[in-house]
Amino acid sequence: MPDQDREPSNGPAGPTPPEGQAAPRRERPFWLSFALNLIVALVVISLVQAFVVKVFNVPSGSMEQTLNVGDRILVNRLAYTGSAPQTGDVVVFSAQGDWEPSREPSGGLRQAAEWFGDLTGIGPSSTHYLVKRVIGTPGDTVECCTAEGAVTVNGAPLDEPYVYNDYPFSPGVQDCTTPARSARCFGPVRVGEGQYVVLGDHRANSADSVISCRGRTKAETCARTVEEEAVVGRVVLTMWPLGREGLDENPAEGSG
C-alpha cells in the first residue's frame, strides 16, 4: 500500500490480540476495589443483622452471672417465627413505653456512630435495648413467693439455678407474711395477651417487670410488661468472651 494511504500514527502500535480473543481488561485501582468490597460487605452484614441474627452488647449487670457487662451476645431474630417466647428464654427487646430511658439528643458524630452500630453491631445504637429472662407469658399469673422464697407461675414454683444475689428472704423472719416484708415478694401479676413478664437473673440489681411491685402488700397495677412486637429475638450464645458456657433456660417447675 502506498505511504500516502496509511492511517496517521502517534507512536508504535501495541500488540494486537490474536483474532477472536478479546483485549485484556484493565485492572481496577486498588482503592476502588477496596471501596466496592467494603460496600458489599456492609450491605450483607446489614441484611443479616436486620433479618437473621444480630450482635448486641450487654449494657448492665442485671443478668449476672449468666451474662456480664460488656459481653457480646448473638441474638436469633428468627427464633420466634411461627412461635412465641417461652418461660426461661433469655431475650433482647427494645425499650419502649415505660422501659424507655430519657436520652440526650445525639450530635453529628454520635449519630454517625449509632448508624454504624445499628448496621454492624459494633458501637452504640440509636435504639435502647435490654436483655432479660422471660418468666411470664400471655395468660400466666406470676407471683412471689412460696414459703421457701420461690417464684411461682400459675401456682407452680420455679427452680431457678441461674438466679444470682436475690433479695433477702428468711421464712418466719422476713418473708411475705411478716411485718418486715421481704422485697423478694410481689404479685400476683396477671399477664395480658401479647405481653411478657421479664426478670433479671441478678434479681437484687435488676430494673425489671416487677421492680415497682416488690415488697407491696396489695396486688396493684405496678408491673411493666414487654410488648410482643418489642422482642427482637432469643439470645443463643455469648460471642465474647470466648469459652463461656451455654445459657441456663427453661426453669423446672415443681421444686421449692
Protein backbone atom coordinates (compact mmCIF):
# COMPACT_ATOMS: atom_id res chain seq x y z
CA MET A 1 0.00 0.00 0.00
CA PRO A 2 1.43 3.47 -0.81
CA ASP A 3 2.63 5.51 2.16
CA GLN A 4 0.13 8.30 1.49
CA ASP A 5 -2.81 5.89 2.02
CA ARG A 6 -1.75 4.77 5.55
CA GLU A 7 -3.53 5.99 8.71
CA PRO A 8 -1.55 8.54 10.71
CA SER A 9 0.12 7.16 13.85
CA ASN A 10 1.19 8.87 17.06
CA GLY A 11 3.66 6.17 18.01
CA PRO A 12 4.39 2.49 17.81
CA ALA A 13 1.26 0.35 17.85
CA GLY A 14 0.71 -2.01 20.81
CA PRO A 15 0.47 -5.75 20.43
CA THR A 16 -2.62 -6.83 18.57
CA PRO A 17 -4.57 -9.66 20.29
CA PRO A 18 -4.97 -12.79 18.20
CA GLU A 19 -8.06 -12.96 16.07
CA GLY A 20 -11.13 -13.99 18.13
CA GLN A 21 -9.54 -13.11 21.52
CA ALA A 22 -10.76 -10.09 23.49
CA ALA A 23 -8.35 -7.42 24.56
CA PRO A 24 -7.24 -7.79 28.23
CA ARG A 25 -9.34 -5.78 30.74
CA ARG A 26 -7.73 -3.01 32.67
CA GLU A 27 -7.47 -3.77 36.40
CA ARG A 28 -9.41 -1.53 38.80
CA PRO A 29 -7.40 0.72 41.05
CA PHE A 30 -6.84 -0.83 44.48
CA TRP A 31 -8.81 1.88 46.27
CA LEU A 32 -11.83 1.32 44.04
CA SER A 33 -11.80 -2.46 44.55
CA PHE A 34 -11.45 -1.96 48.31
CA ALA A 35 -14.35 0.51 48.41
CA LEU A 36 -16.63 -1.76 46.38
CA ASN A 37 -15.80 -4.80 48.54
CA LEU A 38 -16.42 -2.77 51.69
CA ILE A 39 -19.82 -1.60 50.43
CA VAL A 40 -20.83 -5.16 49.53
CA ALA A 41 -19.70 -6.42 52.95
CA LEU A 42 -21.67 -3.70 54.76
CA VAL A 43 -24.80 -4.46 52.74
CA VAL A 44 -24.52 -8.19 53.53
CA ILE A 45 -23.90 -7.51 57.24
CA SER A 46 -26.83 -5.10 57.46
CA LEU A 47 -29.20 -7.57 55.79
CA VAL A 48 -28.09 -10.43 58.04
CA GLN A 49 -28.46 -8.30 61.18
CA ALA A 50 -31.82 -6.92 60.07
CA PHE A 51 -33.44 -10.27 59.30
CA VAL A 52 -31.43 -13.24 60.63
CA VAL A 53 -29.13 -12.66 63.61
CA LYS A 54 -27.89 -9.55 65.39
CA VAL A 55 -24.97 -8.86 67.71
CA PHE A 56 -25.62 -6.93 70.92
CA ASN A 57 -23.55 -5.64 73.79
CA VAL A 58 -24.82 -6.40 77.32
CA PRO A 59 -25.41 -2.93 78.84
CA SER A 60 -25.75 -3.70 82.56
CA GLY A 61 -25.21 -6.24 85.32
CA SER A 62 -28.89 -7.20 85.64
CA MET A 63 -28.29 -10.63 84.06
CA GLU A 64 -25.16 -11.58 86.04
CA GLN A 65 -23.80 -14.25 86.26
CA THR A 66 -25.43 -15.59 83.11
CA LEU A 67 -24.37 -12.51 81.15
CA ASN A 68 -21.90 -9.90 82.33
CA VAL A 69 -21.46 -6.24 81.47
CA GLY A 70 -19.77 -5.87 78.09
CA ASP A 71 -20.46 -9.42 76.88
CA ARG A 72 -21.09 -9.68 73.14
CA ILE A 73 -24.17 -11.82 72.52
CA LEU A 74 -25.72 -13.25 69.37
CA VAL A 75 -29.49 -12.94 69.06
CA ASN A 76 -31.56 -15.11 66.73
CA ARG A 77 -34.17 -12.88 65.08
CA LEU A 78 -35.91 -15.92 63.56
CA ALA A 79 -36.33 -17.78 66.87
CA TYR A 80 -39.98 -16.80 67.19
CA THR A 81 -41.03 -17.14 63.58
CA GLY A 82 -44.18 -19.21 63.95
CA SER A 83 -43.72 -19.50 67.72
CA ALA A 84 -43.53 -17.31 70.83
CA PRO A 85 -41.13 -16.73 73.73
CA GLN A 86 -41.33 -19.34 76.49
CA THR A 87 -40.63 -19.20 80.20
CA GLY A 88 -36.87 -19.37 80.67
CA ASP A 89 -35.89 -17.81 77.33
CA VAL A 90 -33.30 -15.03 77.52
CA VAL A 91 -34.45 -12.33 75.10
CA VAL A 92 -33.40 -8.93 73.84
CA PHE A 93 -36.12 -6.32 73.44
CA SER A 94 -36.29 -2.66 72.53
CA ALA A 95 -37.04 -0.31 75.43
CA GLN A 96 -40.45 1.15 74.62
CA GLY A 97 -43.05 2.93 76.73
CA ASP A 98 -42.33 2.54 80.46
CA TRP A 99 -38.97 0.93 79.67
CA GLU A 100 -37.58 3.81 77.61
CA PRO A 101 -34.99 5.93 79.44
CA SER A 102 -34.59 9.66 78.91
CA ARG A 103 -31.82 10.33 76.42
CA GLU A 104 -29.97 13.43 75.33
CA PRO A 105 -30.32 14.33 71.62
CA SER A 106 -27.46 12.84 69.59
CA GLY A 107 -24.95 15.09 67.83
CA GLY A 108 -23.39 14.55 64.41
CA LEU A 109 -20.55 12.25 65.47
CA ARG A 110 -22.80 10.35 67.85
CA GLN A 111 -25.41 9.86 65.14
CA ALA A 112 -22.76 8.53 62.77
CA ALA A 113 -21.50 6.11 65.43
CA GLU A 114 -25.07 4.97 66.15
CA TRP A 115 -25.73 4.43 62.44
CA PHE A 116 -22.61 2.27 62.21
CA GLY A 117 -23.58 0.43 65.40
CA ASP A 118 -27.08 -0.32 64.09
CA LEU A 119 -25.55 -1.58 60.85
CA THR A 120 -22.75 -3.76 62.20
CA GLY A 121 -23.49 -4.38 65.89
CA ILE A 122 -20.23 -2.63 66.79
CA GLY A 123 -20.58 0.53 68.85
CA PRO A 124 -23.63 2.41 70.21
CA SER A 125 -27.16 2.04 68.85
CA SER A 126 -29.86 4.60 68.14
CA THR A 127 -32.33 2.30 69.95
CA HIS A 128 -32.03 1.36 73.62
CA TYR A 129 -32.11 -2.42 74.04
CA LEU A 130 -32.42 -4.54 77.18
CA VAL A 131 -31.81 -8.21 77.89
CA LYS A 132 -33.86 -10.16 80.46
CA ARG A 133 -35.29 -13.62 81.09
CA VAL A 134 -38.91 -14.42 80.26
CA ILE A 135 -40.81 -15.62 83.33
CA GLY A 136 -44.48 -14.97 82.50
CA THR A 137 -46.14 -15.47 79.10
CA PRO A 138 -49.64 -14.40 77.95
CA GLY A 139 -52.32 -15.75 80.28
CA ASP A 140 -49.91 -16.61 83.11
CA THR A 141 -50.13 -15.45 86.71
CA VAL A 142 -46.70 -14.73 88.21
CA GLU A 143 -46.14 -14.29 91.94
CA CYS A 144 -43.53 -14.46 94.66
CA CYS A 145 -43.10 -16.10 96.96
CA THR A 146 -43.70 -19.62 98.25
CA ALA A 147 -42.83 -20.39 101.87
CA GLU A 148 -39.32 -21.20 100.63
CA GLY A 149 -38.99 -17.96 98.63
CA ALA A 150 -39.56 -19.28 95.10
CA VAL A 151 -41.28 -17.50 92.21
CA THR A 152 -44.43 -19.24 91.00
CA VAL A 153 -46.11 -19.32 87.59
CA ASN A 154 -49.76 -20.38 87.71
CA GLY A 155 -49.15 -21.64 91.24
CA ALA A 156 -46.20 -23.89 90.35
CA PRO A 157 -42.82 -22.93 91.89
CA LEU A 158 -39.87 -22.48 89.54
CA ASP A 159 -36.45 -24.00 90.07
CA GLU A 160 -34.11 -21.18 89.05
CA PRO A 161 -30.45 -22.18 89.50
CA TYR A 162 -29.34 -19.18 87.43
CA VAL A 163 -30.57 -16.59 89.98
CA TYR A 164 -27.72 -14.59 91.49
CA ASN A 165 -27.88 -12.35 94.56
CA ASP A 166 -31.63 -12.43 95.21
CA TYR A 167 -33.39 -10.23 97.76
CA PRO A 168 -33.13 -11.39 101.40
CA PHE A 169 -35.79 -13.92 102.39
CA SER A 170 -35.99 -15.83 105.67
CA PRO A 171 -39.09 -17.94 106.45
CA GLY A 172 -40.81 -16.66 109.59
CA VAL A 173 -38.35 -13.78 109.97
CA GLN A 174 -38.57 -11.83 106.72
CA ASP A 175 -40.96 -13.36 104.22
CA CYS A 176 -44.25 -12.40 102.55
CA THR A 177 -46.27 -12.68 105.78
CA THR A 178 -44.04 -10.97 108.33
CA PRO A 179 -44.35 -7.27 109.28
CA ALA A 180 -40.87 -6.74 107.84
CA ARG A 181 -41.92 -7.91 104.38
CA SER A 182 -39.22 -9.22 102.07
CA ALA A 183 -38.54 -7.21 98.92
CA ARG A 184 -38.50 -10.53 97.08
CA CYS A 185 -42.29 -10.65 97.38
CA PHE A 186 -44.59 -9.36 94.62
CA GLY A 187 -47.86 -10.08 92.85
CA PRO A 188 -49.91 -11.75 91.80
CA VAL A 189 -49.26 -10.29 88.33
CA ARG A 190 -51.59 -11.44 85.56
CA VAL A 191 -50.00 -11.31 82.12
CA GLY A 192 -52.18 -9.97 79.31
CA GLU A 193 -52.33 -11.02 75.68
CA GLY A 194 -49.24 -10.11 73.70
CA GLN A 195 -47.37 -9.29 76.94
CA TYR A 196 -44.44 -10.83 78.80
CA VAL A 197 -43.10 -10.55 82.33
CA VAL A 198 -39.31 -10.50 82.35
CA LEU A 199 -36.87 -10.64 85.26
CA GLY A 200 -33.12 -10.26 85.57
CA ASP A 201 -31.02 -13.16 86.83
CA HIS A 202 -29.27 -10.72 89.18
CA ARG A 203 -32.57 -10.18 90.97
CA ALA A 204 -31.45 -7.59 93.51
CA ASN A 205 -29.87 -5.47 90.76
CA SER A 206 -32.48 -5.58 88.00
CA ALA A 207 -34.96 -2.89 86.98
CA ASP A 208 -37.29 -5.50 85.52
CA SER A 209 -41.04 -6.07 85.14
CA VAL A 210 -41.77 -6.16 88.88
CA ILE A 211 -39.28 -3.64 90.27
CA SER A 212 -42.15 -1.34 91.35
CA CYS A 213 -44.15 -4.24 92.84
CA ARG A 214 -41.57 -5.65 95.23
CA GLY A 215 -42.47 -5.61 98.88
CA ARG A 216 -46.01 -4.34 98.31
CA THR A 217 -48.84 -5.91 100.24
CA LYS A 218 -51.55 -5.19 97.66
CA ALA A 219 -51.87 -6.57 94.14
CA GLU A 220 -51.74 -3.17 92.48
CA THR A 221 -51.17 -2.45 88.81
CA CYS A 222 -47.47 -1.92 89.24
CA ALA A 223 -45.86 -4.30 86.76
CA ARG A 224 -44.48 -3.17 83.41
CA THR A 225 -44.61 -5.85 80.76
CA VAL A 226 -42.82 -6.23 77.44
CA GLU A 227 -44.89 -5.97 74.27
CA GLU A 228 -44.58 -8.92 71.90
CA GLU A 229 -43.57 -6.67 68.99
CA ALA A 230 -40.71 -5.20 71.06
CA VAL A 231 -38.97 -8.60 71.31
CA VAL A 232 -36.01 -8.70 68.90
CA GLY A 233 -35.17 -12.36 69.41
CA ARG A 234 -33.65 -15.01 71.66
CA VAL A 235 -30.07 -14.96 72.90
CA VAL A 236 -28.38 -18.08 71.53
CA LEU A 237 -24.75 -17.68 72.58
CA THR A 238 -22.08 -15.44 74.03
CA MET A 239 -19.61 -14.48 71.31
CA TRP A 240 -17.23 -12.69 73.65
CA PRO A 241 -15.53 -13.51 75.92
CA LEU A 242 -14.71 -16.88 74.42
CA GLY A 243 -15.27 -20.10 76.34
CA ARG A 244 -18.46 -19.06 78.16
CA GLU A 245 -20.90 -21.87 78.94
CA GLY A 246 -24.37 -22.02 77.40
CA LEU A 247 -27.35 -20.19 78.85
CA ASP A 248 -29.49 -21.79 81.56
CA GLU A 249 -33.03 -21.91 80.20
CA ASN A 250 -36.46 -23.37 80.84
CA PRO A 251 -36.61 -23.41 84.64
CA ALA A 252 -38.11 -26.58 86.03
CA GLU A 253 -41.47 -26.40 87.75
CA GLY A 254 -42.47 -28.21 90.88
CA SER A 255 -39.48 -27.64 93.15
CA GLY A 256 -39.44 -25.39 96.15
